[in-house]
Amino acid sequence: MKAPDIRVPVKPFIDRQHFPYGFRKSGDFSISEADLLTKYGKTLLALESGEMQPESDEESHFVDFIRGQHDAESNVEKAWAKYVRLARGKRHFYTLHSSASNQSDYDDDFDDEFDVA
């Protein structure tokens, strides 16, 4: 696998708000995806927001991908798409307990006047 032709920023990309223990320890990304996000994430974010203009073909391709002109093709684009989906998308949480609003349906079944002591 050849290295992407994307500028490497001085500092690594870290998103403590959505991934407080880092990309590698989140359990959402493979090691290679986490490494790509850490290494190129600041550049990708700047390209996405328009703060930085593309300088290479791969950066231009990434900007076209962000604008929805084509699907993710490179590993960097796939990792970024996954990051955006997980960090900015709606997360679903499931519990093992019923909600309090469902409890009222069962309250009528239990009546204290029929307790046998």
Protein backbone atom coordinates (compact mmCIF):
# COMPACT_ATOMS: atom_id res chain seq x y z
CA MET A 1 0.00 0.00 0.00
CA LYS A 2 1.48 3.33 -1.02
CA ALA A 3 1.32 6.34 1.25
CA PRO A 4 -1.43 8.81 0.40
CA ASP A 5 -0.39 12.02 -1.33
CA ILE A 6 -1.93 14.15 1.41
CA ARG A 7 -0.10 16.72 3.50
CA VAL A 8 0.85 15.56 6.99
CA PRO A 9 0.20 18.23 9.63
CA VAL A 10 2.63 18.94 12.46
CA LYS A 11 0.25 17.73 15.19
CA PRO A 12 -1.79 14.51 15.15
CA PHE A 13 -5.58 14.60 14.86
CA ILE A 14 -7.36 13.82 18.13
CA ASP A 15 -11.12 14.04 18.76
CA ARG A 16 -11.43 13.80 22.55
CA GLN A 17 -15.09 14.82 22.49
CA HIS A 18 -16.30 11.83 20.49
CA PHE A 19 -13.43 9.39 21.09
CA PRO A 20 -12.04 10.26 24.55
CA TYR A 21 -9.65 7.29 24.64
CA GLY A 22 -8.42 7.75 21.08
CA PHE A 23 -9.31 6.16 17.77
CA ARG A 24 -7.40 2.94 18.47
CA LYS A 25 -9.07 2.26 21.81
CA SER A 26 -12.57 3.23 20.71
CA GLY A 27 -13.30 -0.18 19.24
CA ASP A 28 -14.84 1.46 16.18
CA PHE A 29 -11.78 1.65 13.92
CA SER A 30 -9.22 -0.85 12.74
CA ILE A 31 -5.60 -0.08 13.55
CA SER A 32 -4.91 1.10 10.01
CA GLU A 33 -8.01 3.35 10.01
CA ALA A 34 -7.03 4.83 13.38
CA ASP A 35 -3.50 5.49 12.11
CA LEU A 36 -4.79 7.19 8.95
CA LEU A 37 -7.15 9.42 10.93
CA THR A 38 -4.47 10.33 13.45
CA LYS A 39 -1.89 11.11 10.77
CA TYR A 40 -4.03 12.94 8.16
CA GLY A 41 -7.15 13.99 10.10
CA LYS A 42 -6.25 17.65 10.62
CA THR A 43 -5.57 18.08 6.90
CA LEU A 44 -8.79 16.27 5.98
CA LEU A 45 -10.80 18.43 8.38
CA ALA A 46 -9.24 21.60 6.94
CA LEU A 47 -9.96 20.41 3.38
CA GLU A 48 -13.55 19.61 4.33
CA SER A 49 -14.16 23.00 5.95
CA GLY A 50 -12.48 24.93 3.14
CA GLU A 51 -9.73 26.33 5.37
CA MET A 52 -7.17 24.60 3.15
CA GLN A 53 -7.16 24.27 -0.62
CA PRO A 54 -6.18 20.97 -2.27
CA GLU A 55 -2.64 20.83 -3.61
CA SER A 56 -2.45 17.28 -4.98
CA ASP A 57 -4.68 15.04 -7.07
CA GLU A 58 -5.50 12.92 -4.05
CA GLU A 59 -6.52 15.97 -2.00
CA SER A 60 -8.69 17.18 -4.91
CA HIS A 61 -10.25 13.72 -5.12
CA PHE A 62 -10.97 13.87 -1.37
CA VAL A 63 -12.67 17.27 -1.73
CA ASP A 64 -14.81 15.89 -4.57
CA PHE A 65 -15.71 12.94 -2.32
CA ILE A 66 -16.72 15.31 0.50
CA ARG A 67 -18.96 17.22 -1.92
CA GLY A 68 -20.69 13.96 -2.83
CA GLN A 69 -19.43 13.78 -6.40
CA HIS A 70 -18.32 10.15 -5.96
CA ASP A 71 -18.15 7.36 -3.38
CA ALA A 72 -15.19 6.73 -1.10
CA GLU A 73 -12.46 4.93 -3.01
CA SER A 74 -9.19 5.27 -1.10
CA ASN A 75 -8.54 3.98 2.40
CA VAL A 76 -8.27 7.58 3.63
CA GLU A 77 -11.70 8.45 2.20
CA LYS A 78 -13.26 5.30 3.67
CA ALA A 79 -11.75 5.99 7.09
CA TRP A 80 -12.94 9.61 6.98
CA ALA A 81 -16.45 8.56 5.96
CA LYS A 82 -16.55 6.15 8.89
CA TYR A 83 -15.26 8.84 11.26
CA VAL A 84 -17.89 11.34 10.10
CA ARG A 85 -20.67 8.76 10.41
CA LEU A 86 -19.64 7.82 13.97
CA ALA A 87 -18.71 11.29 15.25
CA ARG A 88 -21.50 13.33 13.69
CA GLY A 89 -24.24 10.78 13.17
CA LYS A 90 -26.94 9.80 15.60
CA ARG A 91 -25.93 7.02 17.95
CA HIS A 92 -28.45 4.45 19.10
CA PHE A 93 -28.30 3.15 22.65
CA TYR A 94 -30.11 0.05 23.79
CA THR A 95 -30.86 -0.90 27.38
CA LEU A 96 -32.02 -4.03 29.09
CA HIS A 97 -34.65 -2.24 31.17
CA SER A 98 -38.04 -0.95 30.15
CA SER A 99 -38.63 2.75 30.26
CA ALA A 100 -40.56 4.43 33.05
CA SER A 101 -43.42 5.22 30.69
CA ASN A 102 -44.00 1.51 30.11
CA GLN A 103 -44.15 0.85 33.86
CA SER A 104 -47.61 2.46 34.15
CA ASP A 105 -49.02 -0.33 31.99
CA TYR A 106 -48.10 -2.85 34.67
CA ASP A 107 -49.09 -0.85 37.76
CA ASP A 108 -52.76 -1.87 37.42
CA ASP A 109 -51.81 -5.54 37.72
CA PHE A 110 -50.50 -5.06 41.24
CA ASP A 111 -53.08 -4.09 43.79
CA ASP A 112 -52.35 -3.91 47.53
CA GLU A 113 -55.89 -4.84 48.67
CA PHE A 114 -55.49 -8.45 47.55
CA ASP A 115 -52.22 -9.09 49.43
CA VAL A 116 -52.32 -12.36 51.34
CA ALA A 117 -50.35 -12.19 54.53
